C-alpha atoms as a PDB file:
ATOM      1  CA  UNK A   1     116.030 139.292 106.770  1.00  0.00           C
ATOM      2  CA  UNK A   2     118.122 136.197 107.308  1.00  0.00           C
ATOM      3  CA  UNK A   3     116.120 135.315 110.425  1.00  0.00           C
ATOM      4  CA  UNK A   4     112.878 135.353 108.469  1.00  0.00           C
ATOM      5  CA  UNK A   5     114.388 133.286 105.662  1.00  0.00           C
ATOM      6  CA  UNK A   6     115.797 130.723 108.073  1.00  0.00           C
ATOM      7  CA  UNK A   7     112.443 130.288 109.777  1.00  0.00           C
ATOM      8  CA  UNK A   8     110.762 129.759 106.437  1.00  0.00           C
ATOM      9  CA  UNK A   9     113.353 127.220 105.321  1.00  0.00           C
ATOM     10  CA  UNK A  10     112.859 125.474 108.636  1.00  0.00           C
ATOM     11  CA  UNK A  11     109.259 125.025 107.589  1.00  0.00           C
ATOM     12  CA  UNK A  12     110.748 123.132 104.694  1.00  0.00           C
ATOM     13  CA  UNK A  13     112.660 120.423 106.482  1.00  0.00           C
ATOM     14  CA  UNK A  14     110.311 117.724 105.365  1.00  0.00           C
ATOM     15  CA  UNK A  15     108.240 120.049 103.301  1.00  0.00           C
ATOM     16  CA  UNK A  16     111.449 121.857 102.991  1.00  0.00           C
ATOM     17  CA  UNK A  17     111.901 122.623  99.432  1.00  0.00           C
ATOM     18  CA  UNK A  18     108.602 124.267  98.694  1.00  0.00           C
ATOM     19  CA  UNK A  19     108.861 127.314 101.006  1.00  0.00           C
ATOM     20  CA  UNK A  20     112.476 127.850 100.017  1.00  0.00           C
ATOM     21  CA  UNK A  21     111.570 127.643  96.353  1.00  0.00           C
ATOM     22  CA  UNK A  22     108.593 129.901  96.803  1.00  0.00           C
ATOM     23  CA  UNK A  23     110.723 132.723  98.122  1.00  0.00           C
ATOM     24  CA  UNK A  24     112.802 133.206  95.028  1.00  0.00           C
ATOM     25  CA  UNK A  25     112.538 134.296  91.455  1.00  0.00           C
ATOM     26  CA  UNK A  26     114.860 132.512  89.089  1.00  0.00           C
ATOM     27  CA  UNK A  27     118.019 134.175  87.911  1.00  0.00           C
ATOM     28  CA  UNK A  28     117.863 134.693  84.128  1.00  0.00           C
ATOM     29  CA  UNK A  29     120.621 132.232  83.248  1.00  0.00           C
ATOM     30  CA  UNK A  30     120.065 129.812  86.111  1.00  0.00           C
ATOM     31  CA  UNK A  31     120.752 126.142  85.460  1.00  0.00           C
ATOM     32  CA  UNK A  32     121.036 126.505  81.699  1.00  0.00           C
ATOM     33  CA  UNK A  33     123.966 124.076  81.613  1.00  0.00           C
ATOM     34  CA  UNK A  34     122.631 121.663  84.207  1.00  0.00           C
ATOM     35  CA  UNK A  35     120.246 118.741  84.060  1.00  0.00           C
ATOM     36  CA  UNK A  36     116.585 117.942  84.452  1.00  0.00           C
ATOM     37  CA  UNK A  37     116.727 117.966  88.266  1.00  0.00           C
ATOM     38  CA  UNK A  38     118.054 121.528  88.298  1.00  0.00           C
ATOM     39  CA  UNK A  39     115.442 122.635  85.815  1.00  0.00           C
ATOM     40  CA  UNK A  40     112.792 121.077  88.057  1.00  0.00           C
ATOM     41  CA  UNK A  41     113.969 123.259  90.962  1.00  0.00           C
ATOM     42  CA  UNK A  42     113.933 126.396  88.841  1.00  0.00           C
ATOM     43  CA  UNK A  43     110.571 125.705  87.199  1.00  0.00           C
ATOM     44  CA  UNK A  44     108.948 124.863  90.518  1.00  0.00           C
ATOM     45  CA  UNK A  45     110.187 128.072  92.125  1.00  0.00           C
ATOM     46  CA  UNK A  46     108.794 130.122  89.261  1.00  0.00           C
ATOM     47  CA  UNK A  47     105.399 128.440  89.381  1.00  0.00           C
ATOM     48  CA  UNK A  48     105.026 128.783  93.144  1.00  0.00           C
ATOM     49  CA  UNK A  49     106.194 132.388  93.256  1.00  0.00           C
ATOM     50  CA  UNK A  50     103.796 133.388  90.483  1.00  0.00           C
ATOM     51  CA  UNK A  51     100.865 131.784  92.281  1.00  0.00           C
ATOM     52  CA  UNK A  52     101.775 133.408  95.607  1.00  0.00           C
ATOM     53  CA  UNK A  53     101.939 136.818  93.968  1.00  0.00           C
ATOM     54  CA  UNK A  54      98.598 136.345  92.215  1.00  0.00           C
ATOM     55  CA  UNK A  55      96.793 134.962  95.281  1.00  0.00           C
ATOM     56  CA  UNK A  56      98.613 136.805  98.091  1.00  0.00           C
ATOM     57  CA  UNK A  57      95.530 138.721  99.275  1.00  0.00           C
ATOM     58  CA  UNK A  58      93.412 135.566  99.214  1.00  0.00           C
ATOM     59  CA  UNK A  59      95.992 133.545 101.129  1.00  0.00           C
ATOM     60  CA  UNK A  60      96.330 136.232 103.799  1.00  0.00           C
ATOM     61  CA  UNK A  61      92.588 136.094 104.412  1.00  0.00           C
ATOM     62  CA  UNK A  62      92.376 132.318 104.141  1.00  0.00           C
ATOM     63  CA  UNK A  63      95.332 130.397 105.672  1.00  0.00           C
ATOM     64  CA  UNK A  64      93.568 127.128 104.870  1.00  0.00           C
ATOM     65  CA  UNK A  65      93.769 127.928 101.170  1.00  0.00           C
ATOM     66  CA  UNK A  66      97.495 128.625 101.542  1.00  0.00           C
ATOM     67  CA  UNK A  67      98.057 125.279 103.258  1.00  0.00           C
ATOM     68  CA  UNK A  68      96.074 123.500 100.555  1.00  0.00           C
ATOM     69  CA  UNK A  69      98.160 125.165  97.864  1.00  0.00           C
ATOM     70  CA  UNK A  70     101.458 124.267  99.535  1.00  0.00           C
ATOM     71  CA  UNK A  71     100.254 120.716 100.186  1.00  0.00           C
ATOM     72  CA  UNK A  72      99.478 120.332  96.509  1.00  0.00           C
ATOM     73  CA  UNK A  73     102.943 121.572  95.592  1.00  0.00           C
ATOM     74  CA  UNK A  74     104.507 119.160  98.066  1.00  0.00           C
ATOM     75  CA  UNK A  75     102.843 116.249  96.334  1.00  0.00           C
ATOM     76  CA  UNK A  76     104.381 117.403  93.068  1.00  0.00           C
ATOM     77  CA  UNK A  77     107.898 118.297  94.171  1.00  0.00           C
ATOM     78  CA  UNK A  78     108.723 116.727  97.535  1.00  0.00           C
ATOM     79  CA  UNK A  79     109.209 113.053  98.425  1.00  0.00           C
ATOM     80  CA  UNK A  80     107.920 113.480 101.967  1.00  0.00           C
ATOM     81  CA  UNK A  81     107.555 109.780 102.802  1.00  0.00           C
ATOM     82  CA  UNK A  82     111.145 109.035 101.806  1.00  0.00           C
ATOM     83  CA  UNK A  83     112.318 112.057 103.792  1.00  0.00           C
ATOM     84  CA  UNK A  84     110.308 110.809 106.770  1.00  0.00           C
ATOM     85  CA  UNK A  85     112.048 107.431 106.573  1.00  0.00           C
ATOM     86  CA  UNK A  86     115.403 109.218 106.652  1.00  0.00           C
ATOM     87  CA  UNK A  87     114.328 111.238 109.699  1.00  0.00           C
ATOM     88  CA  UNK A  88     113.026 108.147 111.479  1.00  0.00           C
ATOM     89  CA  UNK A  89     116.192 106.162 110.758  1.00  0.00           C
ATOM     90  CA  UNK A  90     116.347 103.053 112.924  1.00  0.00           C
ATOM     91  CA  UNK A  91     112.956 103.917 114.411  1.00  0.00           C
ATOM     92  CA  UNK A  92     111.381 103.453 110.993  1.00  0.00           C
ATOM     93  CA  UNK A  93     112.713  99.964 110.352  1.00  0.00           C
ATOM     94  CA  UNK A  94     109.801  97.582 110.098  1.00  0.00           C
ATOM     95  CA  UNK A  95     107.290 100.433 110.275  1.00  0.00           C
ATOM     96  CA  UNK A  96     104.298 100.210 107.981  1.00  0.00           C
ATOM     97  CA  UNK A  97     103.817 102.575 105.075  1.00  0.00           C
ATOM     98  CA  UNK A  98     100.784 103.932 106.931  1.00  0.00           C
ATOM     99  CA  UNK A  99     102.893 104.856 109.982  1.00  0.00           C
ATOM    100  CA  UNK A 100     105.527 106.503 107.786  1.00  0.00           C
ATOM    101  CA  UNK A 101     102.852 108.574 106.062  1.00  0.00           C
ATOM    102  CA  UNK A 102     101.282 109.445 109.428  1.00  0.00           C
ATOM    103  CA  UNK A 103     104.601 110.823 110.679  1.00  0.00           C
ATOM    104  CA  UNK A 104     105.438 112.634 107.424  1.00  0.00           C
ATOM    105  CA  UNK A 105     102.044 114.336 107.219  1.00  0.00           C
ATOM    106  CA  UNK A 106     102.051 115.304 110.898  1.00  0.00           C
ATOM    107  CA  UNK A 107     105.447 116.960 110.580  1.00  0.00           C
ATOM    108  CA  UNK A 108     104.475 118.795 107.401  1.00  0.00           C
ATOM    109  CA  UNK A 109     101.284 120.118 109.006  1.00  0.00           C
ATOM    110  CA  UNK A 110     103.134 121.152 112.168  1.00  0.00           C
ATOM    111  CA  UNK A 111     105.711 123.138 110.219  1.00  0.00           C
ATOM    112  CA  UNK A 112     103.170 124.838 107.993  1.00  0.00           C
ATOM    113  CA  UNK A 113     101.011 125.883 110.946  1.00  0.00           C
ATOM    114  CA  UNK A 114     104.021 127.593 112.502  1.00  0.00           C
ATOM    115  CA  UNK A 115     105.696 129.158 109.498  1.00  0.00           C
ATOM    116  CA  UNK A 116     103.246 129.183 106.592  1.00  0.00           C
ATOM    117  CA  UNK A 117     102.498 132.891 106.945  1.00  0.00           C
ATOM    118  CA  UNK A 118     106.187 133.710 106.450  1.00  0.00           C
ATOM    119  CA  UNK A 119     105.764 132.746 102.812  1.00  0.00           C
ATOM    120  CA  UNK A 120     103.517 135.754 102.323  1.00  0.00           C
ATOM    121  CA  UNK A 121     105.644 138.226 104.293  1.00  0.00           C
ATOM    122  CA  UNK A 122     109.077 137.727 102.783  1.00  0.00           C
ATOM    123  CA  UNK A 123     110.353 141.099 101.573  1.00  0.00           C
ATOM    124  CA  UNK A 124     112.584 142.016  98.679  1.00  0.00           C
ATOM    125  CA  UNK A 125     113.201 140.244  95.385  1.00  0.00           C
ATOM    126  CA  UNK A 126     115.580 137.346  95.962  1.00  0.00           C
ATOM    127  CA  UNK A 127     116.828 135.164  93.137  1.00  0.00           C
ATOM    128  CA  UNK A 128     118.250 131.669  92.944  1.00  0.00           C
ATOM    129  CA  UNK A 129     121.373 131.004  90.886  1.00  0.00           C
ATOM    130  CA  UNK A 130     121.941 127.438  89.767  1.00  0.00           C
ATOM    131  CA  UNK A 131     125.571 126.424  90.300  1.00  0.00           C
ATOM    132  CA  UNK A 132     125.986 122.707  89.657  1.00  0.00           C
ATOM    133  CA  UNK A 133     124.355 119.313  89.610  1.00  0.00           C
ATOM    134  CA  UNK A 134     126.265 116.262  90.824  1.00  0.00           C
ATOM    135  CA  UNK A 135     125.496 112.619  91.558  1.00  0.00           C
ATOM    136  CA  UNK A 136     124.989 111.370  95.096  1.00  0.00           C
ATOM    137  CA  UNK A 137     126.993 108.302  96.183  1.00  0.00           C
ATOM    138  CA  UNK A 138     125.437 104.920  95.610  1.00  0.00           C
ATOM    139  CA  UNK A 139     123.214 106.095  92.760  1.00  0.00           C
ATOM    140  CA  UNK A 140     120.872 107.706  95.331  1.00  0.00           C
ATOM    141  CA  UNK A 141     120.077 110.722  93.172  1.00  0.00           C
ATOM    142  CA  UNK A 142     121.649 114.144  92.675  1.00  0.00           C
ATOM    143  CA  UNK A 143     122.575 117.301  94.550  1.00  0.00           C
ATOM    144  CA  UNK A 144     121.405 120.522  92.918  1.00  0.00           C
ATOM    145  CA  UNK A 145     123.619 123.294  94.279  1.00  0.00           C
ATOM    146  CA  UNK A 146     122.202 126.819  94.181  1.00  0.00           C
ATOM    147  CA  UNK A 147     122.793 130.179  95.802  1.00  0.00           C
ATOM    148  CA  UNK A 148     120.119 132.442  97.198  1.00  0.00           C
ATOM    149  CA  UNK A 149     120.927 136.023  96.200  1.00  0.00           C
ATOM    150  CA  UNK A 150     119.464 138.940  98.143  1.00  0.00           C
ATOM    151  CA  UNK A 151     120.382 142.620  97.811  1.00  0.00           C
ATOM    152  CA  UNK A 152     122.793 143.698 100.538  1.00  0.00           C
ATOM    153  CA  UNK A 153     123.514 140.126 101.701  1.00  0.00           C
ATOM    154  CA  UNK A 154     126.174 137.545 100.936  1.00  0.00           C
ATOM    155  CA  UNK A 155     124.976 134.622  98.791  1.00  0.00           C
ATOM    156  CA  UNK A 156     123.372 131.831 100.833  1.00  0.00           C
ATOM    157  CA  UNK A 157     124.238 128.285  99.675  1.00  0.00           C
ATOM    158  CA  UNK A 158     121.103 126.155  99.255  1.00  0.00           C
ATOM    159  CA  UNK A 159     121.497 122.550  98.103  1.00  0.00           C
ATOM    160  CA  UNK A 160     118.572 120.352  97.068  1.00  0.00           C
ATOM    161  CA  UNK A 161     118.973 116.589  97.381  1.00  0.00           C
ATOM    162  CA  UNK A 162     116.756 114.893  94.813  1.00  0.00           C
ATOM    163  CA  UNK A 163     115.930 111.435  93.501  1.00  0.00           C
ATOM    164  CA  UNK A 164     114.058 110.157  90.489  1.00  0.00           C
ATOM    165  CA  UNK A 165     110.648 108.722  91.424  1.00  0.00           C
ATOM    166  CA  UNK A 166     108.880 107.065  88.491  1.00  0.00           C
ATOM    167  CA  UNK A 167     110.476 109.486  86.059  1.00  0.00           C
ATOM    168  CA  UNK A 168     109.927 112.611  88.189  1.00  0.00           C
ATOM    169  CA  UNK A 169     112.692 114.361  90.129  1.00  0.00           C
ATOM    170  CA  UNK A 170     111.605 114.966  93.728  1.00  0.00           C
ATOM    171  CA  UNK A 171     113.362 116.680  96.639  1.00  0.00           C
ATOM    172  CA  UNK A 172     113.982 114.753  99.848  1.00  0.00           C
ATOM    173  CA  UNK A 173     116.309 117.082 101.762  1.00  0.00           C
ATOM    174  CA  UNK A 174     117.549 120.663 101.741  1.00  0.00           C
ATOM    175  CA  UNK A 175     120.914 121.873 103.014  1.00  0.00           C
ATOM    176  CA  UNK A 176     121.062 125.528 103.992  1.00  0.00           C
ATOM    177  CA  UNK A 177     124.641 126.767 104.458  1.00  0.00           C
ATOM    178  CA  UNK A 178     125.655 123.122 104.828  1.00  0.00           C
ATOM    179  CA  UNK A 179     123.003 122.236 107.437  1.00  0.00           C
ATOM    180  CA  UNK A 180     120.771 119.296 106.528  1.00  0.00           C
ATOM    181  CA  UNK A 181     117.309 119.760 107.949  1.00  0.00           C
ATOM    182  CA  UNK A 182     116.523 116.055 107.613  1.00  0.00           C
ATOM    183  CA  UNK A 183     119.536 115.378 109.844  1.00  0.00           C
ATOM    184  CA  UNK A 184     118.422 118.152 112.208  1.00  0.00           C
ATOM    185  CA  UNK A 185     115.025 116.514 112.674  1.00  0.00           C
ATOM    186  CA  UNK A 186     116.555 113.053 112.930  1.00  0.00           C
ATOM    187  CA  UNK A 187     118.537 114.279 115.922  1.00  0.00           C
ATOM    188  CA  UNK A 188     115.570 116.122 117.457  1.00  0.00           C
ATOM    189  CA  UNK A 189     113.147 113.190 117.283  1.00  0.00           C
ATOM    190  CA  UNK A 190     115.511 110.408 118.329  1.00  0.00           C
ATOM    191  CA  UNK A 191     114.694 110.630 122.054  1.00  0.00           C
ATOM    192  CA  UNK A 192     110.900 111.082 121.662  1.00  0.00           C
ATOM    193  CA  UNK A 193     110.734 108.133 119.247  1.00  0.00           C
ATOM    194  CA  UNK A 194     112.684 105.936 121.654  1.00  0.00           C
ATOM    195  CA  UNK A 195     110.217 106.777 124.415  1.00  0.00           C
ATOM    196  CA  UNK A 196     106.879 106.877 122.595  1.00  0.00           C
ATOM    197  CA  UNK A 197     107.023 105.430 119.103  1.00  0.00           C
ATOM    198  CA  UNK A 198     105.935 106.802 115.751  1.00  0.00           C
ATOM    199  CA  UNK A 199     102.169 107.057 116.292  1.00  0.00           C
ATOM    200  CA  UNK A 200     102.450 108.933 119.600  1.00  0.00           C
ATOM    201  CA  UNK A 201     105.071 111.362 118.281  1.00  0.00           C
ATOM    202  CA  UNK A 202     102.880 112.009 115.235  1.00  0.00           C
ATOM    203  CA  UNK A 203      99.922 112.699 117.537  1.00  0.00           C
ATOM    204  CA  UNK A 204     101.941 115.211 119.558  1.00  0.00           C
ATOM    205  CA  UNK A 205     103.017 116.943 116.359  1.00  0.00           C
ATOM    206  CA  UNK A 206      99.389 117.151 115.290  1.00  0.00           C
ATOM    207  CA  UNK A 207      98.155 118.696 118.534  1.00  0.00           C
ATOM    208  CA  UNK A 208     101.179 120.986 118.927  1.00  0.00           C
ATOM    209  CA  UNK A 209     102.513 119.368 122.108  1.00  0.00           C
ATOM    210  CA  UNK A 210     105.705 118.707 120.166  1.00  0.00           C
ATOM    211  CA  UNK A 211     107.033 121.293 117.729  1.00  0.00           C
ATOM    212  CA  UNK A 212     109.188 120.339 114.756  1.00  0.00           C
ATOM    213  CA  UNK A 213     112.459 122.262 114.826  1.00  0.00           C
ATOM    214  CA  UNK A 214     112.214 123.191 118.481  1.00  0.00           C
ATOM    215  CA  UNK A 215     115.367 122.831 120.508  1.00  0.00           C
ATOM    216  CA  UNK A 216     115.702 122.204 124.203  1.00  0.00           C
ATOM    217  CA  UNK A 217     114.435 125.184 126.154  1.00  0.00           C
ATOM    218  CA  UNK A 218     111.668 125.915 123.650  1.00  0.00           C
ATOM    219  CA  UNK A 219     113.830 127.688 121.066  1.00  0.00           C
ATOM    220  CA  UNK A 220     113.339 127.082 117.361  1.00  0.00           C
ATOM    221  CA  UNK A 221     116.351 126.314 115.220  1.00  0.00           C
ATOM    222  CA  UNK A 222     116.770 128.811 112.415  1.00  0.00           C
ATOM    223  CA  UNK A 223     115.508 131.711 114.518  1.00  0.00           C
END
């Protein structure tokens, strides 16, 4: 079960939060004493899970509809361009907004093509338990700490890093058991970006020549 969950969360590195949120029902008392950012995580998970349950048969027959649904949720809950800038790091300095968006969208599409179906196959009835909400250094936003609870398994720590964008709390990174997937991708793409630049790396993500989350030797992290 953990292998399947990890692969799905991997799909969430830049689109990260949405698959992770979609896999869980909210614990009854989750986040009652925390802030707006925590409530955003809980409410989003409930909305996505409900839609997946109602449209599961449709999504299985029509993967395009599933991708469109997830893409719409990403626009609501995930700050993908900001996350892309964090992944690009030094390679993104001086890059145009268009190039940043090109890279962010290419990575999101690549991940969803590989792991989107896992959203519909996750078994059991997991729940998220909100634990705490704390400020990030430098007034960068907040960390919403949660635990993923699954029958027969130890709790899995899942932290959502969020920032306020025009009055809306959006997720820009997810840490699963302490592992930041933005940092994971930053490390993975450093060498390709040095050699080819943003546009070429985005193109290779689009055509599948380069796979987000793939380690040396063709293995995928989280599997």
